[in-house]
């Protein structure tokens, strides 16, 4: 069963950005793959939240995902 994730691309981890892309994925790993594949700019921070707004994972400028 697919889960809804909200993926946001930001300049830094502390940047505020209210809008993100809603993606249905089978798992957090699948959402990470989608986010990495669709990252627009090199060196930005990718953030994955659940539909309640809780941060699940983020990818830093070094390109590594950190699960929270």
N, C-alpha and C. Protein backbone atom coordinates (compact mmCIF):
# COMPACT_ATOMS: atom_id res chain seq x y z
N UNK A 1 0.84 -1.19 0.00
CA UNK A 1 0.00 0.00 0.00
C UNK A 1 0.88 1.25 0.00
N UNK A 2 0.58 2.16 -0.87
CA UNK A 2 1.38 3.38 -1.01
C UNK A 2 1.08 4.37 0.12
N UNK A 3 2.12 5.08 0.51
CA UNK A 3 2.03 6.10 1.55
C UNK A 3 2.32 7.45 0.91
N UNK A 4 1.69 8.49 1.43
CA UNK A 4 1.89 9.83 0.91
C UNK A 4 3.05 10.50 1.64
N UNK A 5 4.02 10.98 0.88
CA UNK A 5 5.17 11.72 1.41
C UNK A 5 5.19 13.10 0.78
N UNK A 6 5.72 14.09 1.51
CA UNK A 6 5.89 15.44 0.99
C UNK A 6 7.39 15.69 0.90
N UNK A 7 7.87 15.97 -0.32
CA UNK A 7 9.29 16.16 -0.56
C UNK A 7 9.56 17.61 -0.92
N UNK A 8 10.51 18.22 -0.21
CA UNK A 8 10.84 19.63 -0.40
C UNK A 8 12.33 19.77 -0.67
N UNK A 9 12.66 20.63 -1.62
CA UNK A 9 14.06 20.95 -1.91
C UNK A 9 14.33 22.36 -1.40
N UNK A 10 15.37 22.50 -0.56
CA UNK A 10 15.67 23.78 0.07
C UNK A 10 17.15 24.11 -0.10
N UNK A 11 17.49 25.38 0.09
CA UNK A 11 18.90 25.79 0.00
C UNK A 11 19.73 25.25 1.14
N UNK A 12 19.22 25.34 2.37
CA UNK A 12 19.91 24.82 3.55
C UNK A 12 18.89 24.10 4.42
N UNK A 13 19.36 23.35 5.39
CA UNK A 13 18.46 22.63 6.28
C UNK A 13 17.58 23.59 7.09
N UNK A 14 18.07 24.81 7.33
CA UNK A 14 17.31 25.77 8.13
C UNK A 14 16.41 26.67 7.28
N UNK A 15 16.44 26.53 5.97
CA UNK A 15 15.58 27.33 5.11
C UNK A 15 14.12 26.96 5.35
N UNK A 16 13.25 27.94 5.20
CA UNK A 16 11.82 27.70 5.37
C UNK A 16 11.17 27.69 4.00
N UNK A 17 10.46 26.64 3.73
CA UNK A 17 9.73 26.54 2.47
C UNK A 17 8.48 25.74 2.74
N UNK A 18 7.33 26.33 2.51
CA UNK A 18 6.06 25.70 2.88
C UNK A 18 5.53 24.72 1.84
N UNK A 19 5.92 24.91 0.59
CA UNK A 19 5.36 24.03 -0.42
C UNK A 19 6.33 22.90 -0.74
N UNK A 20 5.79 21.78 -1.09
CA UNK A 20 6.59 20.64 -1.48
C UNK A 20 5.78 19.80 -2.45
N UNK A 21 6.38 18.77 -2.96
CA UNK A 21 5.71 17.88 -3.91
C UNK A 21 5.18 16.68 -3.14
N UNK A 22 3.91 16.36 -3.34
CA UNK A 22 3.31 15.19 -2.71
C UNK A 22 3.55 13.98 -3.61
N UNK A 23 4.14 12.93 -3.03
CA UNK A 23 4.49 11.73 -3.78
C UNK A 23 3.95 10.52 -3.05
N UNK A 24 3.30 9.62 -3.79
CA UNK A 24 2.89 8.34 -3.22
C UNK A 24 3.98 7.33 -3.50
N UNK A 25 4.47 6.68 -2.45
CA UNK A 25 5.54 5.69 -2.59
C UNK A 25 5.25 4.52 -1.67
N UNK A 26 5.82 3.37 -2.01
CA UNK A 26 5.61 2.15 -1.23
C UNK A 26 6.36 2.19 0.10
N UNK A 27 7.46 2.93 0.16
CA UNK A 27 8.28 2.97 1.37
C UNK A 27 9.07 4.28 1.41
N UNK A 28 9.72 4.51 2.54
CA UNK A 28 10.59 5.68 2.66
C UNK A 28 11.75 5.56 1.69
N UNK A 29 12.27 4.37 1.50
CA UNK A 29 13.38 4.16 0.55
C UNK A 29 12.95 4.52 -0.87
N UNK A 30 11.74 4.17 -1.25
CA UNK A 30 11.24 4.52 -2.58
C UNK A 30 11.06 6.03 -2.71
N UNK A 31 10.62 6.69 -1.64
CA UNK A 31 10.48 8.15 -1.65
C UNK A 31 11.85 8.82 -1.78
N UNK A 32 12.87 8.27 -1.12
CA UNK A 32 14.23 8.80 -1.23
C UNK A 32 14.74 8.68 -2.66
N UNK A 33 14.50 7.53 -3.29
CA UNK A 33 14.93 7.35 -4.68
C UNK A 33 14.25 8.36 -5.59
N UNK A 34 12.95 8.58 -5.38
CA UNK A 34 12.21 9.55 -6.19
C UNK A 34 12.80 10.94 -5.99
N UNK A 35 13.06 11.31 -4.74
CA UNK A 35 13.59 12.65 -4.43
C UNK A 35 14.96 12.85 -5.05
N UNK A 36 15.82 11.85 -4.97
CA UNK A 36 17.15 11.96 -5.53
C UNK A 36 17.10 12.09 -7.05
N UNK A 37 16.24 11.31 -7.65
CA UNK A 37 16.12 11.33 -9.11
C UNK A 37 15.57 12.67 -9.61
N UNK A 38 14.70 13.30 -8.83
CA UNK A 38 14.04 14.53 -9.26
C UNK A 38 14.62 15.79 -8.63
N UNK A 39 15.79 15.69 -8.00
CA UNK A 39 16.44 16.86 -7.42
C UNK A 39 16.83 17.81 -8.55
N UNK A 40 16.43 19.08 -8.44
CA UNK A 40 16.64 20.04 -9.51
C UNK A 40 18.04 20.65 -9.51
N UNK A 41 18.58 20.94 -8.33
CA UNK A 41 19.85 21.65 -8.23
C UNK A 41 20.85 20.86 -7.39
N UNK A 42 22.09 20.85 -7.83
CA UNK A 42 23.14 20.19 -7.07
C UNK A 42 23.47 21.02 -5.83
N UNK A 43 23.65 20.34 -4.70
CA UNK A 43 24.04 21.02 -3.47
C UNK A 43 22.89 21.52 -2.63
N UNK A 44 21.65 21.22 -3.01
CA UNK A 44 20.52 21.62 -2.18
C UNK A 44 20.19 20.52 -1.18
N UNK A 45 19.34 20.82 -0.23
CA UNK A 45 18.92 19.88 0.80
C UNK A 45 17.54 19.35 0.43
N UNK A 46 17.37 18.03 0.45
CA UNK A 46 16.08 17.41 0.20
C UNK A 46 15.51 16.96 1.54
N UNK A 47 14.22 17.21 1.73
CA UNK A 47 13.57 16.87 2.99
C UNK A 47 12.32 16.06 2.70
N UNK A 48 12.12 14.97 3.43
CA UNK A 48 10.93 14.14 3.27
C UNK A 48 10.14 14.18 4.56
N UNK A 49 8.87 14.54 4.43
CA UNK A 49 7.95 14.58 5.58
C UNK A 49 6.79 13.63 5.33
N UNK A 50 6.15 13.21 6.42
CA UNK A 50 4.92 12.45 6.24
C UNK A 50 3.76 13.43 6.06
N UNK A 51 2.57 12.92 5.86
CA UNK A 51 1.44 13.81 5.58
C UNK A 51 1.02 14.64 6.80
N UNK A 52 1.54 14.30 7.99
CA UNK A 52 1.26 15.09 9.19
C UNK A 52 2.28 16.20 9.40
N UNK A 53 3.33 16.23 8.57
CA UNK A 53 4.34 17.27 8.67
C UNK A 53 5.58 16.88 9.44
N UNK A 54 5.65 15.64 9.92
CA UNK A 54 6.81 15.18 10.66
C UNK A 54 7.96 14.86 9.70
N UNK A 55 9.14 15.40 9.98
CA UNK A 55 10.30 15.14 9.13
C UNK A 55 10.75 13.70 9.36
N UNK A 56 10.84 12.93 8.27
CA UNK A 56 11.28 11.55 8.35
C UNK A 56 12.74 11.39 7.97
N UNK A 57 13.19 12.16 6.99
CA UNK A 57 14.55 12.03 6.50
C UNK A 57 14.94 13.29 5.73
N UNK A 58 16.24 13.55 5.65
CA UNK A 58 16.72 14.64 4.81
C UNK A 58 18.08 14.28 4.24
N UNK A 59 18.35 14.82 3.07
CA UNK A 59 19.62 14.59 2.38
C UNK A 59 20.39 15.89 2.37
N UNK A 60 21.56 15.87 2.98
CA UNK A 60 22.37 17.06 3.07
C UNK A 60 23.14 17.35 1.80
N UNK A 61 23.92 18.41 1.84
CA UNK A 61 24.71 18.82 0.68
C UNK A 61 25.78 17.80 0.32
N UNK A 62 26.10 16.90 1.26
CA UNK A 62 27.09 15.86 0.98
C UNK A 62 26.48 14.69 0.20
N UNK A 63 25.16 14.70 0.01
CA UNK A 63 24.50 13.67 -0.77
C UNK A 63 24.07 12.44 0.01
N UNK A 64 24.20 12.45 1.33
CA UNK A 64 23.83 11.29 2.14
C UNK A 64 22.51 11.55 2.87
N UNK A 65 21.65 10.53 2.88
CA UNK A 65 20.37 10.62 3.57
C UNK A 65 20.56 10.36 5.06
N UNK A 66 19.86 11.15 5.88
CA UNK A 66 19.88 10.99 7.34
C UNK A 66 18.43 10.79 7.79
N UNK A 67 18.15 9.62 8.35
CA UNK A 67 16.82 9.32 8.87
C UNK A 67 16.69 9.83 10.29
N UNK A 68 15.55 10.43 10.59
CA UNK A 68 15.32 10.97 11.93
C UNK A 68 14.40 10.08 12.73
